[in-house]
Amino acid sequence: MNYHCLLLTLVFVCATVHASAQSKVLFLGNSITKHGPKADIDWSGNWGMAASAEANDYVHLVTKALTEKAGAAPEVMVKNIADFERAYAGYDIAAKMKEAIEFKADLIILAIGENVPGLKTAENKTKLQTSVTALLSALKGERKPTILVRSCFWANAAKDEVLQQACAAVGGIYVNISSLSKDETNYARSERPYKHAGVANHPGDKGMAAIAAALVKALP
């Protein structure tokens, strides 16, 4: 094989590795990540609340960016783990996260915190950090996936500190989006009227785009 052919082969191999580096993507979050229809709060979507359409939530915007970058769409798994947020202490990770663990994602994006009860004591903080670290460790396994941990959309210093510590413990990349909640135009209520204040308080299309942009920018 001459030098020119060898060089072309190496370029092809490197490009293939790069393109497939994030071929399986796992999104774990809460209603901002995915929420099914719920008539009593006037929400009819089955995507990230309260994006105006599925294509406009942060999950699909990040997926679109990854597809454009790699030239092929990644295999994606999206799970709402609000139950983990609300009862993280003693959460049966092995059983309840079995599908996500077995998915063996190349890229794991954790976007939680908003539903975690207020961390009023050092003990609460320690328990949450231990649980989030255990969750990420189980998903990581013996592999070396890229892990992004996003801070809360509704900024909360105590929760965000714990999320950052858990992220560091597994060698992840922490993505601080706390400034987004300071901009009223990032909320869904600034884009259209909502009957339910809770839905209105979620990120709208602009807020979703900002979350997606921060995550994509953080990718190595």
N, C-alpha and C. Protein backbone atom coordinates (compact mmCIF):
# COMPACT_ATOMS: atom_id res chain seq x y z
N MET A 1 0.86 -1.20 0.00
CA MET A 1 0.00 0.00 0.00
C MET A 1 0.89 1.25 0.00
N ASN A 2 0.69 2.16 -0.97
CA ASN A 2 1.52 3.35 -1.00
C ASN A 2 1.06 4.36 0.04
N TYR A 3 1.85 5.40 0.20
CA TYR A 3 1.59 6.40 1.25
C TYR A 3 0.23 7.07 1.06
N HIS A 4 -0.09 7.40 -0.21
CA HIS A 4 -1.35 8.09 -0.50
C HIS A 4 -2.55 7.24 -0.09
N CYS A 5 -2.50 5.96 -0.44
CA CYS A 5 -3.61 5.05 -0.08
C CYS A 5 -3.72 4.87 1.43
N LEU A 6 -2.55 4.79 2.07
CA LEU A 6 -2.53 4.63 3.52
C LEU A 6 -3.15 5.85 4.20
N LEU A 7 -2.81 7.02 3.69
CA LEU A 7 -3.33 8.27 4.25
C LEU A 7 -4.85 8.33 4.10
N LEU A 8 -5.34 7.94 2.92
CA LEU A 8 -6.78 7.94 2.67
C LEU A 8 -7.49 6.95 3.59
N THR A 9 -6.86 5.81 3.80
CA THR A 9 -7.44 4.79 4.69
C THR A 9 -7.54 5.31 6.12
N LEU A 10 -6.49 5.97 6.58
CA LEU A 10 -6.48 6.51 7.95
C LEU A 10 -7.53 7.60 8.12
N VAL A 11 -7.65 8.44 7.10
CA VAL A 11 -8.65 9.50 7.15
C VAL A 11 -10.05 8.90 7.22
N PHE A 12 -10.29 7.86 6.43
CA PHE A 12 -11.60 7.20 6.42
C PHE A 12 -11.90 6.56 7.77
N VAL A 13 -10.91 5.88 8.35
CA VAL A 13 -11.08 5.22 9.64
C VAL A 13 -11.36 6.24 10.72
N CYS A 14 -10.59 7.32 10.73
CA CYS A 14 -10.79 8.36 11.75
C CYS A 14 -12.16 9.00 11.62
N ALA A 15 -12.58 9.23 10.39
CA ALA A 15 -13.89 9.84 10.16
C ALA A 15 -15.01 8.90 10.61
N THR A 16 -14.81 7.60 10.37
CA THR A 16 -15.82 6.62 10.78
C THR A 16 -15.92 6.54 12.29
N VAL A 17 -14.76 6.53 12.95
CA VAL A 17 -14.74 6.49 14.42
C VAL A 17 -15.43 7.72 14.99
N HIS A 18 -15.10 8.89 14.42
CA HIS A 18 -15.69 10.13 14.90
C HIS A 18 -17.20 10.13 14.72
N ALA A 19 -17.64 9.64 13.56
CA ALA A 19 -19.07 9.66 13.26
C ALA A 19 -19.85 8.70 14.15
N SER A 20 -19.20 7.60 14.54
CA SER A 20 -19.90 6.60 15.33
C SER A 20 -19.66 6.76 16.84
N ALA A 21 -18.85 7.77 17.21
CA ALA A 21 -18.50 7.95 18.62
C ALA A 21 -19.73 8.21 19.47
N GLN A 22 -20.76 8.83 18.90
CA GLN A 22 -21.98 9.11 19.63
C GLN A 22 -23.18 8.54 18.87
N SER A 23 -23.06 7.27 18.50
CA SER A 23 -24.10 6.63 17.71
C SER A 23 -25.29 6.18 18.55
N LYS A 24 -25.11 6.11 19.88
CA LYS A 24 -26.21 5.76 20.78
C LYS A 24 -26.28 6.82 21.88
N VAL A 25 -27.40 7.51 21.92
CA VAL A 25 -27.54 8.64 22.84
C VAL A 25 -28.70 8.40 23.82
N LEU A 26 -28.41 8.59 25.09
CA LEU A 26 -29.42 8.41 26.14
C LEU A 26 -29.73 9.75 26.79
N PHE A 27 -31.00 10.14 26.74
CA PHE A 27 -31.46 11.36 27.39
C PHE A 27 -32.26 10.96 28.63
N LEU A 28 -31.83 11.39 29.79
CA LEU A 28 -32.57 11.14 31.02
C LEU A 28 -32.97 12.47 31.63
N GLY A 29 -34.24 12.63 31.91
CA GLY A 29 -34.68 13.90 32.46
C GLY A 29 -36.06 13.83 33.08
N ASN A 30 -36.74 14.96 33.02
CA ASN A 30 -38.09 15.04 33.59
C ASN A 30 -39.03 15.61 32.53
N SER A 31 -39.99 16.41 32.94
CA SER A 31 -40.96 16.92 31.97
C SER A 31 -40.32 17.81 30.91
N ILE A 32 -39.21 18.46 31.23
CA ILE A 32 -38.52 19.29 30.24
C ILE A 32 -37.95 18.41 29.13
N THR A 33 -37.66 17.15 29.48
CA THR A 33 -37.13 16.20 28.51
C THR A 33 -38.25 15.51 27.73
N LYS A 34 -39.26 15.05 28.46
CA LYS A 34 -40.42 14.42 27.81
C LYS A 34 -41.59 14.31 28.78
N HIS A 35 -42.76 14.67 28.30
CA HIS A 35 -43.98 14.55 29.10
C HIS A 35 -45.14 14.22 28.19
N GLY A 36 -45.84 13.14 28.50
CA GLY A 36 -46.98 12.73 27.70
C GLY A 36 -48.19 13.63 27.90
N PRO A 37 -49.22 13.46 27.09
CA PRO A 37 -50.43 14.28 27.18
C PRO A 37 -51.08 14.21 28.56
N LYS A 38 -51.54 15.34 29.05
CA LYS A 38 -52.21 15.41 30.35
C LYS A 38 -53.29 16.49 30.27
N ALA A 39 -54.50 16.05 30.08
CA ALA A 39 -55.60 16.97 29.82
C ALA A 39 -55.84 17.98 30.94
N ASP A 40 -55.67 17.55 32.19
CA ASP A 40 -56.00 18.44 33.31
C ASP A 40 -55.05 19.63 33.45
N ILE A 41 -53.91 19.58 32.75
CA ILE A 41 -53.02 20.74 32.76
C ILE A 41 -52.93 21.35 31.36
N ASP A 42 -53.84 20.89 30.48
CA ASP A 42 -53.93 21.43 29.13
C ASP A 42 -52.64 21.23 28.34
N TRP A 43 -52.07 20.03 28.48
CA TRP A 43 -50.85 19.70 27.72
C TRP A 43 -51.16 18.50 26.84
N SER A 44 -51.02 18.66 25.53
CA SER A 44 -51.37 17.58 24.60
C SER A 44 -50.16 16.97 23.90
N GLY A 45 -48.98 17.49 24.15
CA GLY A 45 -47.79 16.97 23.49
C GLY A 45 -47.27 15.69 24.11
N ASN A 46 -46.28 15.10 23.44
CA ASN A 46 -45.60 13.92 23.98
C ASN A 46 -44.10 14.11 23.73
N TRP A 47 -43.64 15.27 24.20
CA TRP A 47 -42.24 15.66 24.03
C TRP A 47 -41.88 16.61 25.17
N GLY A 48 -40.77 17.30 25.06
CA GLY A 48 -40.34 18.19 26.13
C GLY A 48 -41.31 19.34 26.37
N MET A 49 -41.87 19.42 27.54
CA MET A 49 -42.77 20.50 27.91
C MET A 49 -41.94 21.79 28.06
N ALA A 50 -42.32 22.90 27.47
CA ALA A 50 -43.51 23.19 26.72
C ALA A 50 -43.12 23.71 25.33
N ALA A 51 -42.31 22.93 24.64
CA ALA A 51 -41.96 23.27 23.26
C ALA A 51 -43.21 23.23 22.40
N SER A 52 -43.26 24.07 21.38
CA SER A 52 -44.46 24.17 20.55
C SER A 52 -44.65 22.95 19.65
N ALA A 53 -43.57 22.19 19.42
CA ALA A 53 -43.64 20.97 18.61
C ALA A 53 -42.48 20.06 19.02
N GLU A 54 -42.59 18.79 18.70
CA GLU A 54 -41.57 17.82 19.06
C GLU A 54 -40.18 18.25 18.56
N ALA A 55 -40.14 18.74 17.34
CA ALA A 55 -38.86 19.12 16.74
C ALA A 55 -38.18 20.27 17.47
N ASN A 56 -38.95 20.99 18.30
CA ASN A 56 -38.41 22.18 18.97
C ASN A 56 -37.97 21.95 20.41
N ASP A 57 -38.10 20.72 20.91
CA ASP A 57 -37.61 20.50 22.28
C ASP A 57 -36.10 20.24 22.23
N TYR A 58 -35.45 20.34 23.38
CA TYR A 58 -33.98 20.26 23.38
C TYR A 58 -33.47 18.89 22.94
N VAL A 59 -34.22 17.83 23.26
CA VAL A 59 -33.81 16.48 22.88
C VAL A 59 -33.68 16.37 21.36
N HIS A 60 -34.70 16.84 20.65
CA HIS A 60 -34.70 16.71 19.20
C HIS A 60 -33.74 17.70 18.54
N LEU A 61 -33.52 18.84 19.17
CA LEU A 61 -32.55 19.80 18.64
C LEU A 61 -31.12 19.27 18.78
N VAL A 62 -30.83 18.65 19.92
CA VAL A 62 -29.50 18.06 20.12
C VAL A 62 -29.31 16.90 19.14
N THR A 63 -30.34 16.07 19.00
CA THR A 63 -30.27 14.93 18.08
C THR A 63 -30.03 15.41 16.66
N LYS A 64 -30.70 16.47 16.27
CA LYS A 64 -30.53 17.04 14.93
C LYS A 64 -29.09 17.50 14.73
N ALA A 65 -28.53 18.17 15.74
CA ALA A 65 -27.15 18.66 15.65
C ALA A 65 -26.16 17.50 15.54
N LEU A 66 -26.39 16.44 16.29
CA LEU A 66 -25.52 15.27 16.24
C LEU A 66 -25.60 14.58 14.87
N THR A 67 -26.81 14.54 14.33
CA THR A 67 -27.02 13.93 13.01
C THR A 67 -26.27 14.71 11.93
N GLU A 68 -26.37 16.03 12.01
CA GLU A 68 -25.70 16.87 11.01
C GLU A 68 -24.18 16.76 11.14
N LYS A 69 -23.71 16.63 12.36
CA LYS A 69 -22.27 16.54 12.60
C LYS A 69 -21.70 15.21 12.11
N ALA A 70 -22.43 14.13 12.36
CA ALA A 70 -21.93 12.80 12.02
C ALA A 70 -22.33 12.34 10.63
N GLY A 71 -23.38 12.94 10.08
CA GLY A 71 -23.84 12.51 8.77
C GLY A 71 -24.78 11.33 8.84
N ALA A 72 -25.14 10.94 10.06
CA ALA A 72 -26.08 9.83 10.27
C ALA A 72 -26.79 10.04 11.60
N ALA A 73 -28.04 9.65 11.66
CA ALA A 73 -28.81 9.83 12.88
C ALA A 73 -28.41 8.81 13.94
N PRO A 74 -28.21 9.25 15.18
CA PRO A 74 -27.87 8.31 16.25
C PRO A 74 -29.10 7.54 16.70
N GLU A 75 -28.87 6.42 17.35
CA GLU A 75 -29.97 5.68 17.98
C GLU A 75 -30.22 6.38 19.31
N VAL A 76 -31.45 6.72 19.58
CA VAL A 76 -31.77 7.54 20.74
C VAL A 76 -32.75 6.85 21.69
N MET A 77 -32.49 6.99 22.98
CA MET A 77 -33.43 6.55 24.01
C MET A 77 -33.71 7.75 24.90
N VAL A 78 -34.99 8.00 25.14
CA VAL A 78 -35.41 9.13 25.98
C VAL A 78 -36.25 8.60 27.13
N LYS A 79 -35.85 8.92 28.36
CA LYS A 79 -36.59 8.43 29.52
C LYS A 79 -36.86 9.56 30.51
N ASN A 80 -38.10 9.62 30.97
CA ASN A 80 -38.47 10.55 32.04
C ASN A 80 -38.23 9.83 33.37
N ILE A 81 -37.30 10.36 34.17
CA ILE A 81 -36.99 9.73 35.46
C ILE A 81 -37.33 10.66 36.63
N ALA A 82 -38.48 11.32 36.51
CA ALA A 82 -38.94 12.19 37.59
C ALA A 82 -39.13 11.40 38.88
N ASP A 83 -39.43 10.10 38.76
CA ASP A 83 -39.59 9.28 39.96
C ASP A 83 -38.27 9.17 40.73
N PHE A 84 -37.17 9.18 40.01
CA PHE A 84 -35.85 9.18 40.66
C PHE A 84 -35.64 10.49 41.41
N GLU A 85 -36.00 11.60 40.80
CA GLU A 85 -35.83 12.90 41.44
C GLU A 85 -36.60 12.99 42.76
N ARG A 86 -37.81 12.49 42.73
CA ARG A 86 -38.70 12.64 43.89
C ARG A 86 -38.39 11.64 45.01
N ALA A 87 -37.73 10.53 44.66
CA ALA A 87 -37.43 9.50 45.67
C ALA A 87 -36.07 8.88 45.38
N TYR A 88 -35.04 9.71 45.32
CA TYR A 88 -33.71 9.23 44.94
C TYR A 88 -33.07 8.33 45.99
N ALA A 89 -33.34 8.59 47.25
CA ALA A 89 -32.75 7.79 48.32
C ALA A 89 -33.38 6.39 48.30
N GLY A 90 -32.55 5.38 48.12
CA GLY A 90 -33.05 4.01 48.09
C GLY A 90 -33.64 3.60 46.75
N TYR A 91 -33.47 4.42 45.73
CA TYR A 91 -34.01 4.12 44.40
C TYR A 91 -33.34 2.87 43.84
N ASP A 92 -34.14 1.94 43.34
CA ASP A 92 -33.61 0.68 42.81
C ASP A 92 -33.11 0.91 41.39
N ILE A 93 -31.87 1.38 41.27
CA ILE A 93 -31.30 1.72 39.97
C ILE A 93 -31.21 0.51 39.05
N ALA A 94 -30.71 -0.60 39.56
CA ALA A 94 -30.52 -1.81 38.74
C ALA A 94 -31.82 -2.27 38.09
N ALA A 95 -32.91 -2.23 38.85
CA ALA A 95 -34.20 -2.71 38.33
C ALA A 95 -34.90 -1.67 37.46
N LYS A 96 -34.98 -0.45 37.97
CA LYS A 96 -35.74 0.58 37.27
C LYS A 96 -35.00 1.18 36.08
N MET A 97 -33.69 1.07 36.06
CA MET A 97 -32.91 1.63 34.96
C MET A 97 -32.30 0.53 34.08
N LYS A 98 -32.83 -0.68 34.21
CA LYS A 98 -32.28 -1.83 33.49
C LYS A 98 -32.19 -1.58 31.98
N GLU A 99 -33.24 -1.08 31.41
CA GLU A 99 -33.28 -0.83 29.96
C GLU A 99 -32.24 0.21 29.56
N ALA A 100 -32.14 1.26 30.33
CA ALA A 100 -31.18 2.32 30.03
C ALA A 100 -29.74 1.84 30.19
N ILE A 101 -29.49 1.03 31.21
CA ILE A 101 -28.15 0.49 31.44
C ILE A 101 -27.75 -0.44 30.29
N GLU A 102 -28.68 -1.29 29.88
CA GLU A 102 -28.40 -2.25 28.81
C GLU A 102 -28.30 -1.58 27.44
N PHE A 103 -28.79 -0.37 27.32
CA PHE A 103 -28.71 0.39 26.07
C PHE A 103 -27.25 0.71 25.72
N LYS A 104 -26.43 0.86 26.75
CA LYS A 104 -24.99 1.12 26.59
C LYS A 104 -24.73 2.31 25.66
N ALA A 105 -25.22 3.44 26.10
CA ALA A 105 -25.09 4.67 25.31
C ALA A 105 -23.65 5.15 25.21
N ASP A 106 -23.34 5.76 24.07
CA ASP A 106 -22.03 6.39 23.87
C ASP A 106 -22.05 7.80 24.44
N LEU A 107 -23.24 8.40 24.48
CA LEU A 107 -23.43 9.74 25.03
C LEU A 107 -24.61 9.71 25.98
N ILE A 108 -24.38 10.11 27.22
CA ILE A 108 -25.43 10.15 28.23
C ILE A 108 -25.65 11.61 28.63
N ILE A 109 -26.88 12.07 28.51
CA ILE A 109 -27.22 13.44 28.89
C ILE A 109 -28.23 13.39 30.03
N LEU A 110 -27.80 13.85 31.19
CA LEU A 110 -28.65 13.85 32.38
C LEU A 110 -29.16 15.26 32.63
N ALA A 111 -30.47 15.41 32.63
CA ALA A 111 -31.09 16.73 32.80
C ALA A 111 -32.16 16.66 33.87
N ILE A 112 -31.72 16.63 35.11
CA ILE A 112 -32.66 16.50 36.23
C ILE A 112 -32.40 17.58 37.28
N GLY A 113 -33.19 17.52 38.36
CA GLY A 113 -32.99 18.42 39.49
C GLY A 113 -34.23 19.22 39.84
N GLU A 114 -35.00 19.58 38.83
CA GLU A 114 -36.14 20.45 39.06
C GLU A 114 -37.18 19.87 40.01
N ASN A 115 -37.35 18.54 40.00
CA ASN A 115 -38.35 17.90 40.87
C ASN A 115 -37.78 17.39 42.19
N VAL A 116 -36.49 17.57 42.39
CA VAL A 116 -35.88 17.14 43.65
C VAL A 116 -36.38 18.06 44.77
N PRO A 117 -36.88 17.49 45.87
CA PRO A 117 -37.32 18.33 46.99
C PRO A 117 -36.16 19.20 47.48
N GLY A 118 -36.48 20.34 48.05
CA GLY A 118 -35.46 21.26 48.52
C GLY A 118 -34.42 20.60 49.41
N LEU A 119 -33.15 20.87 49.16
CA LEU A 119 -32.06 20.28 49.94
C LEU A 119 -31.77 21.18 51.13
N LYS A 120 -32.42 20.89 52.24
CA LYS A 120 -32.34 21.76 53.41
C LYS A 120 -31.22 21.40 54.38
N THR A 121 -30.67 20.21 54.23
CA THR A 121 -29.62 19.78 55.14
C THR A 121 -28.44 19.19 54.37
N ALA A 122 -27.30 19.12 55.06
CA ALA A 122 -26.10 18.52 54.46
C ALA A 122 -26.36 17.05 54.16
N GLU A 123 -27.16 16.42 55.00
CA GLU A 123 -27.48 15.01 54.80
C GLU A 123 -28.26 14.81 53.50
N ASN A 124 -29.20 15.72 53.21
CA ASN A 124 -29.97 15.65 51.97
C ASN A 124 -29.05 15.77 50.76
N LYS A 125 -28.11 16.69 50.86
CA LYS A 125 -27.16 16.91 49.75
C LYS A 125 -26.30 15.67 49.52
N THR A 126 -25.84 15.08 50.61
CA THR A 126 -24.99 13.88 50.51
C THR A 126 -25.76 12.73 49.89
N LYS A 127 -27.01 12.55 50.32
CA LYS A 127 -27.84 11.46 49.80
C LYS A 127 -28.07 11.64 48.30
N LEU A 128 -28.35 12.88 47.88
CA LEU A 128 -28.60 13.13 46.46
C LEU A 128 -27.33 12.90 45.65
N GLN A 129 -26.21 13.40 46.15
CA GLN A 129 -24.96 13.22 45.42
C GLN A 129 -24.62 11.73 45.28
N THR A 130 -24.81 10.99 46.34
CA THR A 130 -24.55 9.55 46.32
C THR A 130 -25.44 8.85 45.30
N SER A 131 -26.71 9.23 45.27
CA SER A 131 -27.67 8.60 44.37
C SER A 131 -27.41 8.94 42.91
N VAL A 132 -27.11 10.21 42.63
CA VAL A 132 -26.85 10.62 41.25
C VAL A 132 -25.55 10.00 40.75
N THR A 133 -24.55 9.94 41.62
CA THR A 133 -23.28 9.31 41.25
C THR A 133 -23.48 7.83 40.96
N ALA A 134 -24.28 7.18 41.79
CA ALA A 134 -24.57 5.75 41.59
C ALA A 134 -25.32 5.53 40.28
N LEU A 135 -26.24 6.41 39.97
CA LEU A 135 -27.01 6.33 38.72
C LEU A 135 -26.08 6.44 37.52
N LEU A 136 -25.23 7.45 37.53
CA LEU A 136 -24.32 7.67 36.41
C LEU A 136 -23.29 6.54 36.30
N SER A 137 -22.84 6.05 37.44
CA SER A 137 -21.87 4.95 37.44
C SER A 137 -22.47 3.68 36.85
N ALA A 138 -23.73 3.42 37.17
CA ALA A 138 -24.42 2.24 36.63
C ALA A 138 -24.58 2.35 35.12
N LEU A 139 -24.89 3.54 34.65
CA LEU A 139 -25.07 3.76 33.21
C LEU A 139 -23.73 3.68 32.48
N LYS A 140 -22.71 4.14 33.14
CA LYS A 140 -21.36 4.14 32.55
C LYS A 140 -20.77 2.75 32.48
N GLY A 141 -20.93 1.99 33.55
CA GLY A 141 -20.37 0.64 33.61
C GLY A 141 -18.86 0.66 33.48
N GLU A 142 -18.33 -0.28 32.72
CA GLU A 142 -16.88 -0.35 32.50
C GLU A 142 -16.47 0.41 31.24
N ARG A 143 -17.43 1.07 30.63
CA ARG A 143 -17.15 1.78 29.38
C ARG A 143 -16.71 3.22 29.66
N LYS A 144 -16.46 3.96 28.59
CA LYS A 144 -16.08 5.36 28.73
C LYS A 144 -16.95 6.25 27.84
N PRO A 145 -18.24 6.29 28.13
CA PRO A 145 -19.13 7.14 27.33
C PRO A 145 -18.91 8.61 27.68
N THR A 146 -19.33 9.49 26.80
CA THR A 146 -19.32 10.91 27.13
C THR A 146 -20.55 11.17 27.99
N ILE A 147 -20.36 11.85 29.11
CA ILE A 147 -21.47 12.13 30.03
C ILE A 147 -21.60 13.64 30.20
N LEU A 148 -22.79 14.14 29.91
CA LEU A 148 -23.10 15.55 30.14
C LEU A 148 -24.14 15.63 31.25
N VAL A 149 -23.89 16.45 32.24
CA VAL A 149 -24.85 16.68 33.32
C VAL A 149 -25.21 18.16 33.29
N ARG A 150 -26.47 18.43 33.06
CA ARG A 150 -26.96 19.80 32.95
C ARG A 150 -27.45 20.31 34.29
N SER A 151 -27.18 21.57 34.60
CA SER A 151 -27.71 22.16 35.83
C SER A 151 -29.21 22.38 35.66
N CYS A 152 -29.88 22.76 36.73
CA CYS A 152 -31.32 22.97 36.69
C CYS A 152 -31.69 24.17 35.80
N PHE A 153 -32.81 24.06 35.10
CA PHE A 153 -33.30 25.21 34.32
C PHE A 153 -33.74 26.30 35.29
N TRP A 154 -34.45 25.88 36.33
CA TRP A 154 -34.82 26.82 37.39
C TRP A 154 -33.68 26.79 38.40
N ALA A 155 -32.75 27.71 38.23
CA ALA A 155 -31.50 27.71 38.98
C ALA A 155 -31.71 27.48 40.48
N ASN A 156 -30.92 26.56 41.04
CA ASN A 156 -30.98 26.26 42.46
C ASN A 156 -29.55 25.91 42.90
N ALA A 157 -28.93 26.80 43.64
CA ALA A 157 -27.51 26.65 43.99
C ALA A 157 -27.19 25.32 44.66
N ALA A 158 -28.03 24.90 45.61
CA ALA A 158 -27.76 23.67 46.35
C ALA A 158 -27.84 22.44 45.43
N LYS A 159 -28.88 22.37 44.65
CA LYS A 159 -29.05 21.23 43.74
C LYS A 159 -27.96 21.22 42.67
N ASP A 160 -27.67 22.39 42.12
CA ASP A 160 -26.68 22.48 41.05
C ASP A 160 -25.28 22.09 41.56
N GLU A 161 -24.98 22.44 42.79
CA GLU A 161 -23.68 22.08 43.38
C GLU A 161 -23.55 20.55 43.47
N VAL A 162 -24.62 19.91 43.91
CA VAL A 162 -24.62 18.45 44.04
C VAL A 162 -24.50 17.79 42.67
N LEU A 163 -25.23 18.29 41.69
CA LEU A 163 -25.17 17.73 40.34
C LEU A 163 -23.76 17.86 39.76
N GLN A 164 -23.13 18.99 40.03
CA GLN A 164 -21.76 19.22 39.54
C GLN A 164 -20.78 18.25 40.21
N GLN A 165 -20.96 18.01 41.49
CA GLN A 165 -20.08 17.09 42.22
C GLN A 165 -20.24 15.65 41.71
N ALA A 166 -21.49 15.25 41.48
CA ALA A 166 -21.76 13.90 40.98
C ALA A 166 -21.18 13.73 39.58
N CYS A 167 -21.29 14.77 38.79
CA CYS A 167 -20.74 14.77 37.43
C CYS A 167 -19.23 14.58 37.47
N ALA A 168 -18.57 15.32 38.35
CA ALA A 168 -17.12 15.23 38.48
C ALA A 168 -16.69 13.84 38.94
N ALA A 169 -17.49 13.23 39.79
CA ALA A 169 -17.16 11.91 40.34
C ALA A 169 -17.08 10.83 39.27
N VAL A 170 -17.80 11.00 38.17
CA VAL A 170 -17.79 9.99 37.10
C VAL A 170 -17.04 10.47 35.86
N GLY A 171 -16.36 11.60 35.99
CA GLY A 171 -15.59 12.12 34.86
C GLY A 171 -16.44 12.72 33.76
N GLY A 172 -17.59 13.25 34.15
CA GLY A 172 -18.49 13.85 33.16
C GLY A 172 -18.19 15.31 32.90
N ILE A 173 -18.98 15.91 32.03
CA ILE A 173 -18.86 17.32 31.67
C ILE A 173 -20.08 18.04 32.21
N TYR A 174 -19.86 19.01 33.08
CA TYR A 174 -20.97 19.75 33.69
C TYR A 174 -21.34 20.94 32.80
N VAL A 175 -22.63 21.08 32.54
CA VAL A 175 -23.11 22.16 31.67
C VAL A 175 -24.00 23.10 32.49
N ASN A 176 -23.48 24.27 32.77
CA ASN A 176 -24.19 25.23 33.62
C ASN A 176 -25.13 26.10 32.78
N ILE A 177 -26.43 25.91 32.96
CA ILE A 177 -27.41 26.70 32.22
C ILE A 177 -28.20 27.61 33.17
N SER A 178 -27.69 27.80 34.38
CA SER A 178 -28.43 28.54 35.41
C SER A 178 -28.83 29.96 35.00
N SER A 179 -28.09 30.55 34.09
CA SER A 179 -28.40 31.92 33.68
C SER A 179 -29.67 32.00 32.82
N LEU A 180 -30.07 30.88 32.24
CA LEU A 180 -31.23 30.90 31.35
C LEU A 180 -32.51 31.30 32.06
N SER A 181 -32.64 30.91 33.32
CA SER A 181 -33.89 31.20 34.04
C SER A 181 -34.02 32.68 34.38
N LYS A 182 -32.96 33.44 34.22
CA LYS A 182 -32.99 34.88 34.52
C LYS A 182 -33.59 35.68 33.37
N ASP A 183 -33.71 35.02 32.20
CA ASP A 183 -34.24 35.68 31.01
C ASP A 183 -35.69 35.24 30.80
N GLU A 184 -36.62 36.16 31.00
CA GLU A 184 -38.04 35.85 30.90
C GLU A 184 -38.42 35.32 29.52
N THR A 185 -37.68 35.70 28.49
CA THR A 185 -38.04 35.25 27.14
C THR A 185 -37.73 33.77 26.92
N ASN A 186 -37.04 33.14 27.86
CA ASN A 186 -36.76 31.71 27.74
C ASN A 186 -37.92 30.84 28.24
N TYR A 187 -38.91 31.47 28.87
CA TYR A 187 -40.06 30.73 29.40
C TYR A 187 -41.17 30.61 28.36
N ALA A 188 -41.89 29.50 28.41
CA ALA A 188 -42.97 29.27 27.45
C ALA A 188 -44.05 30.35 27.55
N ARG A 189 -44.28 30.86 28.75
CA ARG A 189 -45.32 31.88 28.95
C ARG A 189 -45.05 33.17 28.17
N SER A 190 -43.80 33.36 27.77
CA SER A 190 -43.48 34.57 27.00
C SER A 190 -43.79 34.39 25.52
N GLU A 191 -44.05 33.15 25.11
CA GLU A 191 -44.29 32.86 23.70
C GLU A 191 -45.75 32.65 23.35
N ARG A 192 -46.52 32.14 24.32
CA ARG A 192 -47.95 31.91 24.07
C ARG A 192 -48.65 31.76 25.41
N PRO A 193 -49.96 32.00 25.46
CA PRO A 193 -50.69 31.86 26.73
C PRO A 193 -50.93 30.40 27.10
N TYR A 194 -50.89 30.10 28.38
CA TYR A 194 -51.15 28.75 28.88
C TYR A 194 -52.17 28.84 30.01
N LYS A 195 -53.03 27.84 30.08
CA LYS A 195 -54.02 27.80 31.15
C LYS A 195 -53.40 27.38 32.47
N HIS A 196 -52.31 26.61 32.39
CA HIS A 196 -51.67 26.07 33.59
C HIS A 196 -50.32 26.75 33.82
N ALA A 197 -50.17 27.35 34.99
CA ALA A 197 -48.95 28.10 35.30
C ALA A 197 -47.71 27.21 35.30
N GLY A 198 -47.87 25.95 35.70
CA GLY A 198 -46.74 25.04 35.74
C GLY A 198 -46.18 24.76 34.35
N VAL A 199 -47.07 24.59 33.39
CA VAL A 199 -46.64 24.37 32.00
C VAL A 199 -45.98 25.65 31.48
N ALA A 200 -46.59 26.77 31.77
CA ALA A 200 -46.08 28.07 31.31
C ALA A 200 -44.69 28.37 31.84
N ASN A 201 -44.36 27.79 32.99
CA ASN A 201 -43.08 28.04 33.64
C ASN A 201 -41.94 27.21 33.04
N HIS A 202 -42.27 26.31 32.12
CA HIS A 202 -41.25 25.50 31.44
C HIS A 202 -40.57 26.33 30.34
N PRO A 203 -39.44 25.87 29.87
CA PRO A 203 -38.80 26.58 28.76
C PRO A 203 -39.63 26.48 27.50
N GLY A 204 -39.75 27.61 26.80
CA GLY A 204 -40.44 27.61 25.51
C GLY A 204 -39.45 27.24 24.41
N ASP A 205 -39.79 27.55 23.18
CA ASP A 205 -38.91 27.20 22.07
C ASP A 205 -37.54 27.87 22.19
N LYS A 206 -37.52 29.13 22.62
CA LYS A 206 -36.24 29.83 22.77
C LYS A 206 -35.42 29.20 23.89
N GLY A 207 -36.08 28.88 24.99
CA GLY A 207 -35.39 28.26 26.12
C GLY A 207 -34.86 26.89 25.76
N MET A 208 -35.67 26.11 25.04
CA MET A 208 -35.24 24.78 24.60
C MET A 208 -34.02 24.88 23.68
N ALA A 209 -34.05 25.86 22.78
CA ALA A 209 -32.93 26.03 21.85
C ALA A 209 -31.66 26.41 22.61
N ALA A 210 -31.81 27.21 23.66
CA ALA A 210 -30.67 27.63 24.45
C ALA A 210 -30.07 26.45 25.23
N ILE A 211 -30.94 25.59 25.75
CA ILE A 211 -30.46 24.38 26.45
C ILE A 211 -29.70 23.49 25.48
N ALA A 212 -30.29 23.27 24.31
CA ALA A 212 -29.65 22.43 23.30
C ALA A 212 -28.31 22.99 22.88
N ALA A 213 -28.25 24.29 22.67
CA ALA A 213 -27.00 24.92 22.23
C ALA A 213 -25.90 24.75 23.28
N ALA A 214 -26.27 24.88 24.56
CA ALA A 214 -25.28 24.72 25.64
C ALA A 214 -24.74 23.29 25.68
N LEU A 215 -25.63 22.32 25.50
CA LEU A 215 -25.22 20.92 25.53
C LEU A 215 -24.31 20.58 24.34
N VAL A 216 -24.70 21.01 23.16
CA VAL A 216 -23.92 20.73 21.96
C VAL A 216 -22.54 21.39 22.05
N LYS A 217 -22.51 22.62 22.55
CA LYS A 217 -21.24 23.35 22.70
C LYS A 217 -20.29 22.64 23.66
N ALA A 218 -20.86 21.95 24.66
CA ALA A 218 -20.04 21.28 25.68
C ALA A 218 -19.44 19.97 25.20
N LEU A 219 -19.96 19.44 24.10
CA LEU A 219 -19.45 18.15 23.61
C LEU A 219 -17.98 18.23 23.21
N PRO A 220 -17.19 17.24 23.56
CA PRO A 220 -15.78 17.25 23.20
C PRO A 220 -15.57 17.06 21.69
